């Protein structure tokens, strides 16, 4: 694991705040000249600290207002069952987040869909057809109070 110094943290904070920041703006903000700053960014990318760049899209404005949180319990927690589940989930565009969990349930996922009928189709045609799923508990979000990709690097 790469140890981040204060300059790295400043770079990450600036990029998290604005993924479209120019190299010159970034170098001014962190107090480096453009060339060493660009090298630092490249090192952060190459080491996997910066995994990529993306736009934050308002899901309601693109016709996907429903966020469903599904807790999944598998019949068994053998490695091959966990791997099969993870491979299937990776192919499903409706699943935008999925975590392997401790506690009563094995997975927690956020599914984004157009409406309740689309969620029902997802459950019937994808999730329940996957071998090894023992139970599914779903909660629907009423409102999004906070969502952030910005990590607290202090």
C-alpha atoms as a PDB file:
ATOM      1  CA  UNK A   1       0.000   0.000   0.000  1.00  0.00           C
ATOM      2  CA  UNK A   2       1.260   3.428  -0.960  1.00  0.00           C
ATOM      3  CA  UNK A   3       1.855   5.894   1.898  1.00  0.00           C
ATOM      4  CA  UNK A   4       0.269   9.233   1.048  1.00  0.00           C
ATOM      5  CA  UNK A   5       2.103  12.425   1.947  1.00  0.00           C
ATOM      6  CA  UNK A   6       0.508  15.852   2.373  1.00  0.00           C
ATOM      7  CA  UNK A   7       0.938  16.743  -1.322  1.00  0.00           C
ATOM      8  CA  UNK A   8      -0.754  13.477  -2.395  1.00  0.00           C
ATOM      9  CA  UNK A   9      -3.659  14.240  -0.053  1.00  0.00           C
ATOM     10  CA  UNK A  10      -3.987  17.761  -1.472  1.00  0.00           C
ATOM     11  CA  UNK A  11      -4.019  16.347  -5.013  1.00  0.00           C
ATOM     12  CA  UNK A  12      -6.662  13.781  -4.105  1.00  0.00           C
ATOM     13  CA  UNK A  13      -8.811  16.370  -2.315  1.00  0.00           C
ATOM     14  CA  UNK A  14      -8.657  18.706  -5.319  1.00  0.00           C
ATOM     15  CA  UNK A  15      -9.509  15.950  -7.807  1.00  0.00           C
ATOM     16  CA  UNK A  16     -12.341  14.635  -5.613  1.00  0.00           C
ATOM     17  CA  UNK A  17     -13.813  18.129  -5.555  1.00  0.00           C
ATOM     18  CA  UNK A  18     -13.458  18.634  -9.298  1.00  0.00           C
ATOM     19  CA  UNK A  19     -12.517  15.755 -11.581  1.00  0.00           C
ATOM     20  CA  UNK A  20     -12.220  18.182 -14.505  1.00  0.00           C
ATOM     21  CA  UNK A  21      -9.582  20.364 -12.862  1.00  0.00           C
ATOM     22  CA  UNK A  22      -6.789  21.311 -15.270  1.00  0.00           C
ATOM     23  CA  UNK A  23      -3.184  20.354 -14.614  1.00  0.00           C
ATOM     24  CA  UNK A  24      -2.281  24.037 -14.161  1.00  0.00           C
ATOM     25  CA  UNK A  25      -5.122  24.651 -11.690  1.00  0.00           C
ATOM     26  CA  UNK A  26      -4.174  21.510  -9.771  1.00  0.00           C
ATOM     27  CA  UNK A  27      -0.502  22.440  -9.603  1.00  0.00           C
ATOM     28  CA  UNK A  28      -1.410  25.940  -8.330  1.00  0.00           C
ATOM     29  CA  UNK A  29      -3.723  24.481  -5.709  1.00  0.00           C
ATOM     30  CA  UNK A  30      -1.189  21.994  -4.308  1.00  0.00           C
ATOM     31  CA  UNK A  31       1.891  24.200  -4.632  1.00  0.00           C
ATOM     32  CA  UNK A  32       3.882  22.233  -7.220  1.00  0.00           C
ATOM     33  CA  UNK A  33       4.899  23.122 -10.733  1.00  0.00           C
ATOM     34  CA  UNK A  34       2.815  21.392 -13.427  1.00  0.00           C
ATOM     35  CA  UNK A  35       5.342  18.700 -14.421  1.00  0.00           C
ATOM     36  CA  UNK A  36       5.958  17.200 -10.937  1.00  0.00           C
ATOM     37  CA  UNK A  37       2.254  17.547 -10.165  1.00  0.00           C
ATOM     38  CA  UNK A  38       1.328  15.604 -13.294  1.00  0.00           C
ATOM     39  CA  UNK A  39       3.895  12.924 -12.358  1.00  0.00           C
ATOM     40  CA  UNK A  40       2.322  12.635  -8.912  1.00  0.00           C
ATOM     41  CA  UNK A  41      -1.145  12.224 -10.410  1.00  0.00           C
ATOM     42  CA  UNK A  42       0.175   9.534 -12.760  1.00  0.00           C
ATOM     43  CA  UNK A  43       1.774   7.688  -9.808  1.00  0.00           C
ATOM     44  CA  UNK A  44      -1.506   7.854  -7.903  1.00  0.00           C
ATOM     45  CA  UNK A  45      -3.298   6.449 -10.957  1.00  0.00           C
ATOM     46  CA  UNK A  46      -0.682   3.727 -11.611  1.00  0.00           C
ATOM     47  CA  UNK A  47      -0.722   2.603  -7.974  1.00  0.00           C
ATOM     48  CA  UNK A  48      -4.525   2.333  -8.017  1.00  0.00           C
ATOM     49  CA  UNK A  49      -5.130   5.093  -5.473  1.00  0.00           C
ATOM     50  CA  UNK A  50      -6.995   6.989  -8.201  1.00  0.00           C
ATOM     51  CA  UNK A  51      -9.144   4.305  -9.820  1.00  0.00           C
ATOM     52  CA  UNK A  52     -10.715   6.456 -12.510  1.00  0.00           C
ATOM     53  CA  UNK A  53     -12.721   9.547 -13.315  1.00  0.00           C
ATOM     54  CA  UNK A  54     -16.457   9.816 -13.689  1.00  0.00           C
ATOM     55  CA  UNK A  55     -19.356  12.263 -13.772  1.00  0.00           C
ATOM     56  CA  UNK A  56     -21.937  12.260 -10.982  1.00  0.00           C
ATOM     57  CA  UNK A  57     -25.344  11.848 -12.602  1.00  0.00           C
ATOM     58  CA  UNK A  58     -28.683  12.728 -11.007  1.00  0.00           C
ATOM     59  CA  UNK A  59     -30.494   9.394 -11.186  1.00  0.00           C
ATOM     60  CA  UNK A  60     -33.955  10.994 -11.052  1.00  0.00           C
ATOM     61  CA  UNK A  61     -33.196  13.290 -13.982  1.00  0.00           C
ATOM     62  CA  UNK A  62     -32.259  10.318 -16.166  1.00  0.00           C
ATOM     63  CA  UNK A  63     -35.462   8.433 -15.317  1.00  0.00           C
ATOM     64  CA  UNK A  64     -34.152   6.136 -12.561  1.00  0.00           C
ATOM     65  CA  UNK A  65     -35.787   7.486  -9.386  1.00  0.00           C
ATOM     66  CA  UNK A  66     -35.972   4.235  -7.414  1.00  0.00           C
ATOM     67  CA  UNK A  67     -33.139   3.082  -5.141  1.00  0.00           C
ATOM     68  CA  UNK A  68     -33.777  -0.291  -3.563  1.00  0.00           C
ATOM     69  CA  UNK A  69     -31.469  -1.708  -0.905  1.00  0.00           C
ATOM     70  CA  UNK A  70     -31.525  -5.495  -0.948  1.00  0.00           C
ATOM     71  CA  UNK A  71     -30.008  -7.653   1.780  1.00  0.00           C
ATOM     72  CA  UNK A  72     -29.144 -11.085   0.433  1.00  0.00           C
ATOM     73  CA  UNK A  73     -28.589 -14.267   2.380  1.00  0.00           C
ATOM     74  CA  UNK A  74     -26.972 -17.184   0.569  1.00  0.00           C
ATOM     75  CA  UNK A  75     -27.653 -20.826   1.330  1.00  0.00           C
ATOM     76  CA  UNK A  76     -23.932 -21.385   1.918  1.00  0.00           C
ATOM     77  CA  UNK A  77     -20.950 -19.104   2.264  1.00  0.00           C
ATOM     78  CA  UNK A  78     -18.407 -21.273   0.510  1.00  0.00           C
ATOM     79  CA  UNK A  79     -15.845 -19.466  -1.604  1.00  0.00           C
ATOM     80  CA  UNK A  80     -17.272 -20.781  -4.878  1.00  0.00           C
ATOM     81  CA  UNK A  81     -20.788 -19.613  -3.906  1.00  0.00           C
ATOM     82  CA  UNK A  82     -19.508 -16.147  -3.006  1.00  0.00           C
ATOM     83  CA  UNK A  83     -17.513 -15.963  -6.246  1.00  0.00           C
ATOM     84  CA  UNK A  84     -20.492 -17.064  -8.370  1.00  0.00           C
ATOM     85  CA  UNK A  85     -22.683 -14.424  -6.737  1.00  0.00           C
ATOM     86  CA  UNK A  86     -20.068 -11.679  -7.231  1.00  0.00           C
ATOM     87  CA  UNK A  87     -19.591 -12.596 -10.909  1.00  0.00           C
ATOM     88  CA  UNK A  88     -23.335 -12.453 -11.566  1.00  0.00           C
ATOM     89  CA  UNK A  89     -23.780  -9.121  -9.787  1.00  0.00           C
ATOM     90  CA  UNK A  90     -20.899  -7.592 -11.762  1.00  0.00           C
ATOM     91  CA  UNK A  91     -22.903  -8.187 -14.985  1.00  0.00           C
ATOM     92  CA  UNK A  92     -26.129  -6.543 -13.763  1.00  0.00           C
ATOM     93  CA  UNK A  93     -26.238  -2.810 -14.582  1.00  0.00           C
ATOM     94  CA  UNK A  94     -29.102  -2.208 -12.130  1.00  0.00           C
ATOM     95  CA  UNK A  95     -26.770  -3.005  -9.220  1.00  0.00           C
ATOM     96  CA  UNK A  96     -24.731   0.131  -8.625  1.00  0.00           C
ATOM     97  CA  UNK A  97     -23.236  -0.877  -5.249  1.00  0.00           C
ATOM     98  CA  UNK A  98     -22.725  -4.288  -3.688  1.00  0.00           C
ATOM     99  CA  UNK A  99     -20.909  -5.184  -0.483  1.00  0.00           C
ATOM    100  CA  UNK A 100     -19.995  -8.499   1.128  1.00  0.00           C
ATOM    101  CA  UNK A 101     -21.176  -8.045   4.711  1.00  0.00           C
ATOM    102  CA  UNK A 102     -20.712  -9.377   8.216  1.00  0.00           C
ATOM    103  CA  UNK A 103     -23.746 -10.171  10.359  1.00  0.00           C
ATOM    104  CA  UNK A 104     -27.075 -11.752   9.482  1.00  0.00           C
ATOM    105  CA  UNK A 105     -26.901 -11.124   5.734  1.00  0.00           C
ATOM    106  CA  UNK A 106     -24.170 -11.930   3.236  1.00  0.00           C
ATOM    107  CA  UNK A 107     -24.571  -9.042   0.780  1.00  0.00           C
ATOM    108  CA  UNK A 108     -26.049  -5.569   0.715  1.00  0.00           C
ATOM    109  CA  UNK A 109     -26.696  -4.034  -2.672  1.00  0.00           C
ATOM    110  CA  UNK A 110     -28.207  -0.853  -4.049  1.00  0.00           C
ATOM    111  CA  UNK A 111     -30.324  -1.400  -7.128  1.00  0.00           C
ATOM    112  CA  UNK A 112     -31.387   1.576  -9.259  1.00  0.00           C
ATOM    113  CA  UNK A 113     -34.458   1.219 -11.465  1.00  0.00           C
ATOM    114  CA  UNK A 114     -37.143   3.205 -13.286  1.00  0.00           C
ATOM    115  CA  UNK A 115     -40.120   1.923 -11.267  1.00  0.00           C
ATOM    116  CA  UNK A 116     -41.403  -0.903  -9.050  1.00  0.00           C
ATOM    117  CA  UNK A 117     -42.204  -3.068 -12.058  1.00  0.00           C
ATOM    118  CA  UNK A 118     -38.575  -2.833 -13.182  1.00  0.00           C
ATOM    119  CA  UNK A 119     -37.463  -3.873  -9.692  1.00  0.00           C
ATOM    120  CA  UNK A 120     -39.860  -6.813  -9.781  1.00  0.00           C
ATOM    121  CA  UNK A 121     -38.417  -7.892 -13.164  1.00  0.00           C
ATOM    122  CA  UNK A 122     -34.894  -7.625 -11.737  1.00  0.00           C
ATOM    123  CA  UNK A 123     -35.846  -9.823  -8.784  1.00  0.00           C
ATOM    124  CA  UNK A 124     -37.762 -12.404 -10.855  1.00  0.00           C
ATOM    125  CA  UNK A 125     -35.498 -12.590 -13.903  1.00  0.00           C
ATOM    126  CA  UNK A 126     -32.081 -12.163 -12.331  1.00  0.00           C
ATOM    127  CA  UNK A 127     -31.681 -12.345  -8.581  1.00  0.00           C
ATOM    128  CA  UNK A 128     -34.005 -15.244  -7.753  1.00  0.00           C
ATOM    129  CA  UNK A 129     -32.706 -17.265 -10.705  1.00  0.00           C
ATOM    130  CA  UNK A 130     -29.206 -17.263  -9.248  1.00  0.00           C
ATOM    131  CA  UNK A 131     -28.400 -20.567  -7.533  1.00  0.00           C
ATOM    132  CA  UNK A 132     -27.684 -20.310  -3.856  1.00  0.00           C
ATOM    133  CA  UNK A 133     -29.835 -17.288  -2.948  1.00  0.00           C
ATOM    134  CA  UNK A 134     -31.714 -18.233   0.226  1.00  0.00           C
ATOM    135  CA  UNK A 135     -33.525 -14.968   0.970  1.00  0.00           C
ATOM    136  CA  UNK A 136     -33.884 -11.361  -0.110  1.00  0.00           C
ATOM    137  CA  UNK A 137     -35.032  -8.453   2.063  1.00  0.00           C
ATOM    138  CA  UNK A 138     -35.618  -5.134   0.335  1.00  0.00           C
ATOM    139  CA  UNK A 139     -35.989  -1.593   1.637  1.00  0.00           C
ATOM    140  CA  UNK A 140     -36.773   1.344  -0.626  1.00  0.00           C
ATOM    141  CA  UNK A 141     -35.167   4.747  -0.170  1.00  0.00           C
ATOM    142  CA  UNK A 142     -37.655   7.561   0.271  1.00  0.00           C
ATOM    143  CA  UNK A 143     -35.081  10.316  -0.242  1.00  0.00           C
ATOM    144  CA  UNK A 144     -31.327  10.664  -0.598  1.00  0.00           C
ATOM    145  CA  UNK A 145     -30.029  12.737   2.295  1.00  0.00           C
ATOM    146  CA  UNK A 146     -26.342  12.481   1.366  1.00  0.00           C
ATOM    147  CA  UNK A 147     -24.273  10.781  -1.276  1.00  0.00           C
ATOM    148  CA  UNK A 148     -20.575  11.326  -1.701  1.00  0.00           C
ATOM    149  CA  UNK A 149     -17.546   9.808  -3.329  1.00  0.00           C
ATOM    150  CA  UNK A 150     -15.281  12.189  -1.408  1.00  0.00           C
ATOM    151  CA  UNK A 151     -13.169  10.340   1.153  1.00  0.00           C
ATOM    152  CA  UNK A 152     -12.154  12.050   4.428  1.00  0.00           C
ATOM    153  CA  UNK A 153      -8.371  11.981   4.018  1.00  0.00           C
ATOM    154  CA  UNK A 154      -7.311  13.621   7.267  1.00  0.00           C
END
